[in-house]
Amino acid sequence: MEKTFESALNELETIVKELESGNIPLDNAITKYTEAMQLVKFCSEKLNTANEQVNKILEENGELKDFELTEETKE
């Protein structure tokens, strides 16, 4: 199953809480920090892609109007 923005954000929040607790050994903290940075990159790329899609829709229509974003599900 492909990771979603929401699941990545939840993972990131969990890691931040673990790191902020101060109750994690240094080696684990480094590993968690690395995981967090990968999640930040993933989320940033997802947001950039969404922004590009929105801009493309607006440019093709030539006007601003309400629209709905839908998430495709794979079964």
C-alpha atoms as a PDB file:
ATOM      1  CA  MET A   1       0.000   0.000   0.000  1.00  0.00           C
ATOM      2  CA  GLU A   2       1.320   3.435  -0.923  1.00  0.00           C
ATOM      3  CA  LYS A   3       2.053   5.826   1.936  1.00  0.00           C
ATOM      4  CA  THR A   4      -0.294   8.780   2.171  1.00  0.00           C
ATOM      5  CA  PHE A   5       0.462  12.318   3.261  1.00  0.00           C
ATOM      6  CA  GLU A   6      -1.704  11.824   6.335  1.00  0.00           C
ATOM      7  CA  SER A   7       0.023   8.600   7.418  1.00  0.00           C
ATOM      8  CA  ALA A   8       3.454  10.179   6.926  1.00  0.00           C
ATOM      9  CA  LEU A   9       2.392  13.207   8.964  1.00  0.00           C
ATOM     10  CA  ASN A  10       1.133  10.966  11.773  1.00  0.00           C
ATOM     11  CA  GLU A  11       4.438   9.061  11.787  1.00  0.00           C
ATOM     12  CA  LEU A  12       6.326  12.350  11.888  1.00  0.00           C
ATOM     13  CA  GLU A  13       4.267  13.603  14.843  1.00  0.00           C
ATOM     14  CA  THR A  14       4.965  10.370  16.738  1.00  0.00           C
ATOM     15  CA  ILE A  15       8.702  10.655  16.138  1.00  0.00           C
ATOM     16  CA  VAL A  16       8.743  14.306  17.234  1.00  0.00           C
ATOM     17  CA  LYS A  17       6.978  13.385  20.482  1.00  0.00           C
ATOM     18  CA  GLU A  18       9.513  10.597  21.100  1.00  0.00           C
ATOM     19  CA  LEU A  19      12.430  12.931  20.484  1.00  0.00           C
ATOM     20  CA  GLU A  20      10.939  15.690  22.632  1.00  0.00           C
ATOM     21  CA  SER A  21      10.459  13.292  25.531  1.00  0.00           C
ATOM     22  CA  GLY A  22      14.220  13.020  25.978  1.00  0.00           C
ATOM     23  CA  ASN A  23      13.795   9.372  26.998  1.00  0.00           C
ATOM     24  CA  ILE A  24      15.448   7.907  23.925  1.00  0.00           C
ATOM     25  CA  PRO A  25      19.067   6.733  23.642  1.00  0.00           C
ATOM     26  CA  LEU A  26      21.312   8.799  21.353  1.00  0.00           C
ATOM     27  CA  ASP A  27      21.700   6.076  18.692  1.00  0.00           C
ATOM     28  CA  ASN A  28      17.921   5.662  18.503  1.00  0.00           C
ATOM     29  CA  ALA A  29      17.459   9.429  18.429  1.00  0.00           C
ATOM     30  CA  ILE A  30      19.753   9.692  15.415  1.00  0.00           C
ATOM     31  CA  THR A  31      17.823   6.929  13.641  1.00  0.00           C
ATOM     32  CA  LYS A  32      14.499   8.578  14.484  1.00  0.00           C
ATOM     33  CA  TYR A  33      15.792  11.968  13.319  1.00  0.00           C
ATOM     34  CA  THR A  34      16.827  10.420   9.991  1.00  0.00           C
ATOM     35  CA  GLU A  35      13.382   8.823   9.606  1.00  0.00           C
ATOM     36  CA  ALA A  36      11.760  12.165  10.441  1.00  0.00           C
ATOM     37  CA  MET A  37      13.773  13.983   7.783  1.00  0.00           C
ATOM     38  CA  GLN A  38      12.723  11.384   5.184  1.00  0.00           C
ATOM     39  CA  LEU A  39       9.098  11.893   6.201  1.00  0.00           C
ATOM     40  CA  VAL A  40       9.487  15.678   5.967  1.00  0.00           C
ATOM     41  CA  LYS A  41      10.869  15.280   2.451  1.00  0.00           C
ATOM     42  CA  PHE A  42       7.996  12.952   1.486  1.00  0.00           C
ATOM     43  CA  CYS A  43       5.364  15.370   2.861  1.00  0.00           C
ATOM     44  CA  SER A  44       7.011  18.331   1.172  1.00  0.00           C
ATOM     45  CA  GLU A  45       7.027  16.533  -2.175  1.00  0.00           C
ATOM     46  CA  LYS A  46       3.347  15.580  -1.771  1.00  0.00           C
ATOM     47  CA  LEU A  47       2.427  19.206  -1.008  1.00  0.00           C
ATOM     48  CA  ASN A  48       4.437  20.482  -3.979  1.00  0.00           C
ATOM     49  CA  THR A  49       2.740  17.961  -6.268  1.00  0.00           C
ATOM     50  CA  ALA A  50      -0.694  18.989  -4.984  1.00  0.00           C
ATOM     51  CA  ASN A  51       0.173  22.653  -5.482  1.00  0.00           C
ATOM     52  CA  GLU A  52       1.274  21.978  -9.066  1.00  0.00           C
ATOM     53  CA  GLN A  53      -1.953  20.084  -9.773  1.00  0.00           C
ATOM     54  CA  VAL A  54      -4.079  22.925  -8.412  1.00  0.00           C
ATOM     55  CA  ASN A  55      -2.172  25.493 -10.444  1.00  0.00           C
ATOM     56  CA  LYS A  56      -2.557  23.376 -13.581  1.00  0.00           C
ATOM     57  CA  ILE A  57      -6.312  23.107 -13.040  1.00  0.00           C
ATOM     58  CA  LEU A  58      -6.609  26.860 -12.570  1.00  0.00           C
ATOM     59  CA  GLU A  59      -4.499  27.592 -15.654  1.00  0.00           C
ATOM     60  CA  GLU A  60      -6.494  25.202 -17.859  1.00  0.00           C
ATOM     61  CA  ASN A  61      -9.826  26.670 -16.740  1.00  0.00           C
ATOM     62  CA  GLY A  62      -8.650  30.251 -17.036  1.00  0.00           C
ATOM     63  CA  GLU A  63     -10.796  31.208 -14.064  1.00  0.00           C
ATOM     64  CA  LEU A  64     -11.065  30.573 -10.367  1.00  0.00           C
ATOM     65  CA  LYS A  65     -13.854  28.287  -9.250  1.00  0.00           C
ATOM     66  CA  ASP A  66     -14.599  25.797  -6.498  1.00  0.00           C
ATOM     67  CA  PHE A  67     -13.343  22.287  -7.029  1.00  0.00           C
ATOM     68  CA  GLU A  68     -13.009  19.091  -4.997  1.00  0.00           C
ATOM     69  CA  LEU A  69      -9.886  17.056  -4.428  1.00  0.00           C
ATOM     70  CA  THR A  70     -10.488  13.326  -4.288  1.00  0.00           C
ATOM     71  CA  GLU A  71      -8.043  10.677  -3.163  1.00  0.00           C
ATOM     72  CA  GLU A  72      -7.804   7.616  -5.370  1.00  0.00           C
ATOM     73  CA  THR A  73      -7.897   4.325  -3.549  1.00  0.00           C
ATOM     74  CA  LYS A  74      -6.263   1.178  -4.825  1.00  0.00           C
ATOM     75  CA  GLU A  75      -7.924  -2.102  -4.041  1.00  0.00           C
END
